[in-house]
Protein backbone atom coordinates (compact mmCIF):
# COMPACT_ATOMS: atom_id res chain seq x y z
CA UNK A 1 7.21 -13.21 45.57
CA UNK A 2 7.77 -11.71 41.98
CA UNK A 3 11.25 -10.69 42.96
CA UNK A 4 12.10 -14.24 44.27
CA UNK A 5 10.82 -15.73 41.02
CA UNK A 6 13.13 -13.52 39.07
CA UNK A 7 16.04 -14.31 41.25
CA UNK A 8 15.46 -17.98 41.00
CA UNK A 9 15.00 -17.81 37.20
CA UNK A 10 18.25 -15.82 36.80
CA UNK A 11 20.07 -18.31 38.98
CA UNK A 12 18.71 -21.31 36.91
CA UNK A 13 19.69 -19.42 33.69
CA UNK A 14 23.08 -18.51 34.91
CA UNK A 15 23.75 -22.08 35.91
CA UNK A 16 23.34 -23.19 32.33
CA UNK A 17 24.61 -20.15 30.41
CA UNK A 18 25.24 -21.75 27.01
CA UNK A 19 21.95 -23.67 26.80
CA UNK A 20 20.12 -20.44 27.91
CA UNK A 21 21.96 -18.38 25.25
CA UNK A 22 21.20 -20.84 22.48
CA UNK A 23 17.47 -20.96 23.52
CA UNK A 24 17.33 -17.15 23.65
CA UNK A 25 18.91 -17.11 20.08
CA UNK A 26 16.27 -19.45 18.84
CA UNK A 27 13.41 -17.27 20.26
CA UNK A 28 15.13 -14.09 19.01
CA UNK A 29 15.47 -15.43 15.53
CA UNK A 30 11.90 -16.53 15.56
CA UNK A 31 10.44 -13.22 16.66
CA UNK A 32 12.73 -11.39 14.35
CA UNK A 33 11.39 -13.40 11.44
CA UNK A 34 7.87 -12.68 12.52
CA UNK A 35 8.54 -8.87 12.82
CA UNK A 36 10.26 -8.72 9.44
CA UNK A 37 7.65 -10.86 7.58
CA UNK A 38 4.86 -8.49 8.90
CA UNK A 39 7.06 -5.54 8.04
CA UNK A 40 7.32 -6.89 4.54
CA UNK A 41 3.58 -7.26 4.33
CA UNK A 42 3.26 -3.61 5.42
CA UNK A 43 5.68 -2.45 2.95
CA UNK A 44 3.97 -4.23 0.10
CA UNK A 45 0.69 -2.75 1.01
CA UNK A 46 2.22 0.70 1.24
CA UNK A 47 3.99 0.31 -2.20
CA UNK A 48 0.64 -0.66 -3.80
CA UNK A 49 -1.01 2.37 -2.22
CA UNK A 50 1.73 4.57 -3.59
CA UNK A 51 1.39 3.22 -6.99
CA UNK A 52 -2.34 3.88 -7.07
CA UNK A 53 -1.86 7.42 -5.43
CA UNK A 54 0.32 8.12 -8.38
CA UNK A 55 -2.63 8.07 -10.53
CA UNK A 56 -5.35 9.18 -7.91
CA UNK A 57 -7.33 6.65 -5.99
CA UNK A 58 -10.90 8.06 -5.88
CA UNK A 59 -11.01 8.83 -9.56
CA UNK A 60 -13.66 7.78 -12.02
CA UNK A 61 -13.21 8.14 -15.81
CA UNK A 62 -16.23 7.97 -18.10
CA UNK A 63 -15.30 7.26 -21.88
CA UNK A 64 -18.06 7.16 -24.66
CA UNK A 65 -18.32 4.15 -26.98
CA UNK A 66 -21.02 2.44 -28.86
CA UNK A 67 -24.16 0.73 -27.65
CA UNK A 68 -24.10 -3.16 -27.76
CA UNK A 69 -27.64 -3.83 -27.10
CA UNK A 70 -30.99 -2.39 -28.54
CA UNK A 71 -32.77 0.13 -26.24
CA UNK A 72 -35.72 2.33 -26.69
CA UNK A 73 -36.34 1.38 -30.36
CA UNK A 74 -32.69 2.22 -31.19
CA UNK A 75 -30.52 -0.52 -32.76
CA UNK A 76 -27.22 -1.61 -31.34
CA UNK A 77 -24.12 0.04 -32.42
CA UNK A 78 -25.19 3.63 -32.01
CA UNK A 79 -22.19 5.92 -31.03
CA UNK A 80 -22.42 7.72 -27.65
CA UNK A 81 -21.04 11.25 -27.71
CA UNK A 82 -20.42 13.37 -24.61
CA UNK A 83 -21.01 17.08 -24.49
CA UNK A 84 -20.79 19.79 -21.83
CA UNK A 85 -24.54 18.81 -21.07
CA UNK A 86 -23.16 15.39 -19.68
CA UNK A 87 -20.70 17.34 -17.32
CA UNK A 88 -23.58 19.40 -15.98
CA UNK A 89 -25.86 16.44 -15.53
CA UNK A 90 -23.32 14.46 -13.64
CA UNK A 91 -22.62 17.54 -11.41
CA UNK A 92 -26.31 18.10 -10.69
CA UNK A 93 -27.35 14.55 -10.07
CA UNK A 94 -24.28 13.18 -8.22
CA UNK A 95 -23.57 15.16 -5.08
CA UNK A 96 -20.77 12.80 -4.19
CA UNK A 97 -18.65 14.25 -7.06
CA UNK A 98 -16.09 16.80 -5.62
CA UNK A 99 -14.28 17.77 -8.81
CA UNK A 100 -15.13 17.23 -12.48
CA UNK A 101 -13.61 18.02 -15.67
CA UNK A 102 -14.23 17.45 -19.30
CA UNK A 103 -11.26 16.37 -21.48
CA UNK A 104 -10.44 16.83 -24.99
CA UNK A 105 -7.30 15.54 -26.30
CA UNK A 106 -5.29 15.00 -29.46
CA UNK A 107 -1.82 14.02 -30.85
CA UNK A 108 -0.20 17.26 -32.01
CA UNK A 109 3.07 18.38 -33.51
CA UNK A 110 5.12 20.20 -30.77
CA UNK A 111 7.84 22.45 -31.98
CA UNK A 112 10.63 24.39 -30.25
CA UNK A 113 13.16 26.04 -32.27
CA UNK A 114 14.51 23.18 -34.58
CA UNK A 115 13.10 20.40 -32.59
CA UNK A 116 9.79 18.79 -33.35
CA UNK A 117 7.97 15.99 -31.70
CA UNK A 118 4.45 14.37 -31.66
CA UNK A 119 3.07 14.43 -28.21
CA UNK A 120 -0.44 14.17 -26.73
CA UNK A 121 -2.15 17.52 -25.82
CA UNK A 122 -5.04 17.52 -23.46
CA UNK A 123 -7.51 20.29 -22.52
CA UNK A 124 -9.00 20.13 -19.06
CA UNK A 125 -10.35 22.49 -16.28
CA UNK A 126 -7.64 23.62 -13.98
CA UNK A 127 -8.91 21.13 -11.36
CA UNK A 128 -7.42 18.39 -13.28
CA UNK A 129 -4.21 18.89 -11.30
CA UNK A 130 -6.06 17.52 -8.14
CA UNK A 131 -8.27 14.89 -10.06
CA UNK A 132 -5.07 13.32 -11.73
CA UNK A 133 -2.81 13.90 -8.84
CA UNK A 134 -0.29 15.87 -10.89
CA UNK A 135 2.62 17.37 -9.14
CA UNK A 136 4.46 20.52 -10.31
CA UNK A 137 8.27 20.41 -10.49
CA UNK A 138 8.59 23.99 -11.61
CA UNK A 139 6.30 26.95 -12.25
CA UNK A 140 2.57 26.96 -11.90
CA UNK A 141 -0.52 25.24 -13.22
CA UNK A 142 -2.99 27.19 -15.24
CA UNK A 143 -5.92 28.62 -13.29
CA UNK A 144 -9.61 29.60 -13.88
CA UNK A 145 -8.48 33.13 -15.06
CA UNK A 146 -6.56 31.47 -17.83
CA UNK A 147 -9.43 29.30 -18.60
CA UNK A 148 -11.85 32.22 -18.97
CA UNK A 149 -9.28 34.21 -21.03
CA UNK A 150 -8.57 31.40 -23.37
CA UNK A 151 -5.02 31.88 -22.43
CA UNK A 152 -2.50 30.12 -24.68
CA UNK A 153 -0.34 28.63 -21.83
CA UNK A 154 0.83 25.12 -21.42
CA UNK A 155 2.06 22.81 -18.51
CA UNK A 156 4.37 20.14 -19.99
CA UNK A 157 5.43 16.67 -18.69
CA UNK A 158 8.92 15.98 -17.53
CA UNK A 159 9.95 13.92 -20.46
CA UNK A 160 8.39 16.46 -22.95
CA UNK A 161 10.57 19.09 -21.22
CA UNK A 162 13.69 16.98 -21.60
CA UNK A 163 13.16 16.26 -25.35
CA UNK A 164 12.30 19.79 -26.24
CA UNK A 165 14.55 21.75 -24.06
CA UNK A 166 17.24 19.22 -23.00
CA UNK A 167 18.71 20.73 -19.86
CA UNK A 168 17.81 24.25 -20.45
CA UNK A 169 15.05 26.20 -18.53
CA UNK A 170 11.60 25.89 -20.02
CA UNK A 171 9.63 28.35 -18.14
CA UNK A 172 8.62 31.46 -20.04
CA UNK A 173 9.66 29.81 -23.31
CA UNK A 174 7.32 29.49 -26.15
CA UNK A 175 6.40 26.32 -28.08
CA UNK A 176 4.32 25.84 -31.13
CA UNK A 177 1.39 23.31 -30.87
CA UNK A 178 0.23 22.59 -34.30
CA UNK A 179 1.73 25.89 -35.46
CA UNK A 180 0.03 27.94 -32.69
CA UNK A 181 2.33 29.60 -29.99
CA UNK A 182 1.87 28.61 -26.35
CA UNK A 183 3.78 29.84 -23.37
CA UNK A 184 5.32 27.21 -21.01
CA UNK A 185 4.31 28.17 -17.54
CA UNK A 186 4.92 24.93 -15.66
CA UNK A 187 6.69 21.67 -15.69
CA UNK A 188 5.38 18.57 -14.02
CA UNK A 189 7.30 16.17 -11.81
CA UNK A 190 7.92 12.71 -13.27
CA UNK A 191 5.12 10.23 -12.81
CA UNK A 192 5.38 6.52 -12.59
CA UNK A 193 5.45 5.21 -16.07
CA UNK A 194 5.51 1.72 -17.43
CA UNK A 195 7.44 0.92 -20.63
CA UNK A 196 6.86 3.39 -23.47
CA UNK A 197 3.75 5.00 -21.77
CA UNK A 198 3.55 8.64 -22.72
CA UNK A 199 2.21 9.87 -19.45
CA UNK A 200 5.21 12.14 -18.88
CA UNK A 201 5.15 13.47 -22.48
CA UNK A 202 1.57 15.08 -22.14
CA UNK A 203 1.04 18.83 -22.50
CA UNK A 204 -1.81 20.39 -20.44
CA UNK A 205 -3.62 23.38 -21.63
CA UNK A 206 -6.89 25.09 -20.63
CA UNK A 207 -10.05 23.33 -21.91
CA UNK A 208 -11.19 26.71 -23.57
CA UNK A 209 -8.11 27.09 -25.36
CA UNK A 210 -8.13 23.45 -26.63
CA UNK A 211 -10.98 24.88 -28.99
CA UNK A 212 -8.12 26.49 -30.94
CA UNK A 213 -6.66 23.05 -31.87
CA UNK A 214 -9.78 20.95 -32.37
CA UNK A 215 -13.60 21.05 -32.08
CA UNK A 216 -14.32 20.51 -28.38
CA UNK A 217 -18.12 20.30 -28.69
CA UNK A 218 -17.83 16.48 -28.32
CA UNK A 219 -15.63 15.33 -25.41
CA UNK A 220 -13.21 12.46 -25.41
CA UNK A 221 -13.82 11.65 -21.65
CA UNK A 222 -15.00 12.97 -18.41
CA UNK A 223 -12.97 12.69 -15.25
CA UNK A 224 -14.09 13.22 -11.78
CA UNK A 225 -13.09 12.38 -8.15
CA UNK A 226 -15.47 11.93 -5.27
CA UNK A 227 -16.00 12.01 -1.52
CA UNK A 228 -17.58 8.68 -0.74
CA UNK A 229 -16.55 5.11 0.11
CA UNK A 230 -19.40 3.54 -1.75
CA UNK A 231 -17.66 3.75 -5.08
CA UNK A 232 -19.59 0.89 -6.67
CA UNK A 233 -22.93 2.66 -5.95
CA UNK A 234 -21.56 5.87 -7.46
CA UNK A 235 -20.39 3.95 -10.60
CA UNK A 236 -23.98 2.59 -10.96
CA UNK A 237 -25.43 6.13 -10.48
CA UNK A 238 -23.05 7.63 -13.12
CA UNK A 239 -23.89 4.97 -15.60
CA UNK A 240 -27.69 5.47 -14.86
CA UNK A 241 -27.36 9.15 -15.40
CA UNK A 242 -25.62 8.75 -18.75
CA UNK A 243 -28.22 6.08 -19.75
CA UNK A 244 -31.07 8.36 -19.10
CA UNK A 245 -29.44 11.26 -21.01
CA UNK A 246 -28.37 9.29 -23.89
CA UNK A 247 -31.36 6.71 -23.97
CA UNK A 248 -29.47 3.47 -23.86
CA UNK A 249 -29.92 0.41 -21.66
CA UNK A 250 -28.28 0.96 -18.21
CA UNK A 251 -26.83 -2.65 -18.33
CA UNK A 252 -25.03 -1.89 -21.47
CA UNK A 253 -21.46 -1.57 -20.14
CA UNK A 254 -20.04 -0.95 -23.56
CA UNK A 255 -22.03 2.19 -24.32
CA UNK A 256 -20.11 4.09 -21.72
CA UNK A 257 -16.87 2.58 -20.22
CA UNK A 258 -16.37 3.44 -16.66
CA UNK A 259 -12.93 3.14 -15.30
CA UNK A 260 -13.18 3.09 -11.51
CA UNK A 261 -9.56 2.96 -9.91
CA UNK A 262 -11.01 2.04 -6.43
CA UNK A 263 -12.06 -1.37 -7.95
CA UNK A 264 -8.40 -2.25 -8.45
CA UNK A 265 -7.36 -0.70 -5.18
CA UNK A 266 -10.01 -2.70 -3.28
CA UNK A 267 -8.73 -6.03 -5.10
CA UNK A 268 -5.19 -5.26 -4.11
CA UNK A 269 -6.24 -4.56 -0.49
CA UNK A 270 -7.70 -8.03 -0.37
CA UNK A 271 -4.48 -9.55 -1.85
CA UNK A 272 -2.34 -7.45 0.57
CA UNK A 273 -4.50 -8.72 3.54
CA UNK A 274 -4.13 -12.29 2.50
CA UNK A 275 -0.41 -11.88 2.05
CA UNK A 276 -0.11 -10.44 5.54
CA UNK A 277 -2.02 -13.27 7.08
CA UNK A 278 0.15 -15.78 5.10
CA UNK A 279 3.41 -14.07 6.22
CA UNK A 280 2.14 -13.92 9.90
CA UNK A 281 1.37 -17.63 9.72
CA UNK A 282 4.88 -18.46 8.23
CA UNK A 283 6.49 -16.44 10.86
CA UNK A 284 4.46 -18.11 13.59
CA UNK A 285 5.59 -21.48 12.34
CA UNK A 286 9.25 -20.14 12.47
CA UNK A 287 8.71 -18.82 16.00
CA UNK A 288 7.06 -22.14 16.91
CA UNK A 289 10.34 -23.90 16.11
CA UNK A 290 12.07 -21.79 18.51
CA UNK A 291 9.18 -22.50 21.06
CA UNK A 292 9.76 -26.30 20.56
CA UNK A 293 13.58 -25.79 21.27
CA UNK A 294 12.52 -23.81 24.43
CA UNK A 295 10.19 -26.60 25.50
CA UNK A 296 12.80 -29.24 25.02
CA UNK A 297 15.34 -27.30 27.11
CA UNK A 298 12.87 -26.72 29.82
CA UNK A 299 12.02 -30.51 29.84
CA UNK A 300 15.65 -31.24 30.26
CA UNK A 301 15.92 -28.69 33.08
CA UNK A 302 12.95 -30.36 34.73
CA UNK A 303 14.65 -33.79 34.53
CA UNK A 304 17.99 -32.41 35.95
CA UNK A 305 16.23 -30.68 38.70
CA UNK A 306 14.00 -33.53 39.76
CA UNK A 307 15.62 -33.83 43.11
CA UNK A 308 15.33 -30.09 43.82
CA UNK A 309 11.64 -30.21 42.99
CA UNK A 310 11.20 -33.19 45.26
CA UNK A 311 13.07 -31.15 48.11
CA UNK A 312 10.95 -28.02 47.45
CA UNK A 313 7.67 -30.20 47.68
CA UNK A 314 8.89 -31.98 50.82
CA UNK A 315 9.43 -28.59 52.40
CA UNK A 316 5.92 -27.43 51.63
CA UNK A 317 5.95 -26.08 48.13
CA UNK A 318 2.60 -26.56 46.25
CA UNK A 319 1.92 -27.50 42.65
CA UNK A 320 1.25 -23.88 41.76
CA UNK A 321 4.60 -22.81 43.23
CA UNK A 322 6.54 -25.25 41.09
CA UNK A 323 4.46 -24.50 38.04
CA UNK A 324 4.91 -20.68 38.40
CA UNK A 325 8.67 -21.13 39.01
CA UNK A 326 9.32 -22.99 35.83
CA UNK A 327 6.77 -20.94 33.70
CA UNK A 328 8.51 -17.72 34.88
CA UNK A 329 11.81 -19.26 33.73
CA UNK A 330 10.47 -19.97 30.29
CA UNK A 331 8.78 -16.61 29.95
CA UNK A 332 11.81 -14.86 31.10
CA UNK A 333 13.84 -16.46 28.39
CA UNK A 334 11.01 -15.76 25.89
CA UNK A 335 11.01 -12.06 26.84
CA UNK A 336 14.61 -11.55 26.58
CA UNK A 337 14.81 -13.41 23.32
CA UNK A 338 11.79 -11.33 22.13
CA UNK A 339 13.56 -8.08 22.85
CA UNK A 340 16.69 -9.09 21.11
CA UNK A 341 14.65 -10.27 18.15
CA UNK A 342 12.80 -6.99 17.79
CA UNK A 343 16.16 -5.11 18.00
CA UNK A 344 17.48 -7.48 15.25
CA UNK A 345 14.42 -6.91 13.12
CA UNK A 346 14.93 -3.08 13.36
CA UNK A 347 18.56 -3.41 12.41
CA UNK A 348 17.72 -5.46 9.37
CA UNK A 349 14.92 -3.19 8.23
CA UNK A 350 17.25 -0.09 8.45
CA UNK A 351 20.10 -1.87 6.72
CA UNK A 352 18.02 -3.39 3.82
CA UNK A 353 16.60 -0.10 2.80
CA UNK A 354 14.40 -0.29 -0.45
CA UNK A 355 13.55 -3.57 -2.08
CA UNK A 356 12.88 -3.33 -5.87
CA UNK A 357 9.31 -4.01 -6.97
CA UNK A 358 7.58 -1.51 -9.28
CA UNK A 359 10.77 0.28 -10.36
CA UNK A 360 11.98 -2.89 -11.89
CA UNK A 361 9.79 -2.18 -14.81
CA UNK A 362 8.63 1.41 -14.42
CA UNK A 363 10.27 4.73 -14.54
CA UNK A 364 10.23 7.28 -11.64
CA UNK A 365 8.75 4.36 -9.43
CA UNK A 366 10.96 4.33 -6.37
CA UNK A 367 7.87 5.10 -4.30
CA UNK A 368 6.37 1.86 -5.53
CA UNK A 369 9.23 -0.29 -4.18
CA UNK A 370 8.96 -2.18 -0.81
CA UNK A 371 10.46 -0.89 2.39
CA UNK A 372 10.33 -2.96 5.58
CA UNK A 373 7.76 -0.92 7.68
CA UNK A 374 7.71 -1.93 11.26
CA UNK A 375 4.41 -0.29 12.55
CA UNK A 376 3.21 -0.25 16.18
CA UNK A 377 0.63 -2.76 15.10
CA UNK A 378 3.40 -5.14 13.88
CA UNK A 379 5.09 -4.97 17.24
CA UNK A 380 1.66 -5.65 19.07
CA UNK A 381 0.76 -8.71 16.84
CA UNK A 382 4.42 -10.15 17.18
CA UNK A 383 4.18 -9.66 20.90
CA UNK A 384 0.85 -11.57 21.16
CA UNK A 385 2.35 -14.37 19.10
CA UNK A 386 5.46 -14.43 21.17
CA UNK A 387 3.36 -14.52 24.41
CA UNK A 388 1.19 -17.42 23.00
CA UNK A 389 4.26 -19.36 21.92
CA UNK A 390 6.16 -18.69 25.16
CA UNK A 391 3.03 -19.73 27.25
CA UNK A 392 2.60 -22.97 25.40
CA UNK A 393 6.23 -23.82 25.27
CA UNK A 394 6.70 -23.17 29.00
CA UNK A 395 3.41 -24.53 30.29
CA UNK A 396 4.14 -28.11 29.26
CA UNK A 397 7.32 -28.50 31.31
CA UNK A 398 5.97 -26.51 34.11
CA UNK A 399 2.91 -28.69 34.42
CA UNK A 400 5.25 -31.78 34.26
CA UNK A 401 7.36 -30.35 37.05
CA UNK A 402 4.52 -29.65 39.20
CA UNK A 403 2.96 -33.10 38.99
CA UNK A 404 6.22 -34.78 40.15
CA UNK A 405 5.48 -36.79 43.37
CA UNK A 406 7.94 -35.59 46.05
CA UNK A 407 8.92 -39.01 47.20
CA UNK A 408 9.65 -40.29 43.57
CA UNK A 409 11.44 -37.05 42.92
CA UNK A 410 13.74 -37.59 45.98
CA UNK A 411 14.47 -41.07 44.95
CA UNK A 412 15.50 -39.87 41.40
CA UNK A 413 19.23 -40.51 40.59
């Protein structure tokens, strides 16, 4: 029976080739629009993920400030100062922390031969390379042996390397940081950078060695990453630990500023989901226009084949036979149009390439641009939408055909 249905559907479509081709084209354009819009949503989500991954996602930064409310008999405005005791307390009380580093930084004069620039120098533990998602372009990062030996070694940002060395090799060369000689052992790859941000001009040195440049008893900040999805609870726990140690009110958000990047990631995930739903809705409306065209063509076909339907019923065909016949014809057009639409969507996605987003106002930000990503889930969602539209568009004419009275159909001129 299935073979007979296909044969009859093919014969009907071949009889009206131009009409069938135009209908398929409408369905193909509709499904291609759905797939490309969903692919755009996927690409937007991936671009946002890449932007945050550039800075590290599950990262929390604690920066000391001043109290803003009175607590424990102390007036407001008391400065909070971090020491290594804070780092040890966080490590001991928050098992979710996977890596933690103190940070001490300063603006320093960096000199190489006759060139002198003022760049930021930061002292961290070696694990900062993982915490801050740093990528090496050349050389190596300093290790714990360098930390223990107070080695005067430095890893420099890509822009710092260009300004100090131009196109020359920087590895093994020595630069002077506030007059103290350091060996360059590594050069970082360029990170996404907005405007005049100096993220690619930073020099990283061991935390212990930073003591040669400034007093590191008091820390500028504490960085750590973590292995939990309950980032809000961890933020509260970190603030509570600091409040207990420094005796300030836990609700005082100004005393210790906590920068939790996952808050922004979560917000953008909600925005991305909303965008995908909106794009899917718009694509469905576009495909629905093609479905209306299919429905009209099938209704015309029912009208033109009224006597044929009457003859079939007079010979014993039942309602379900007529309904299935016309529904099969509509679904065949839908299926072929859908396949052509998916092929068209893939062709457009491959030809378009990269759509400018973050790179429009940031350097080294090609990974933050949008690429049309046609994921398997996109094809599944588009197919479900296509099936729904095809069923609705084909069912109305099929029901109308199945309800024709055989005598009235045979009398139709």
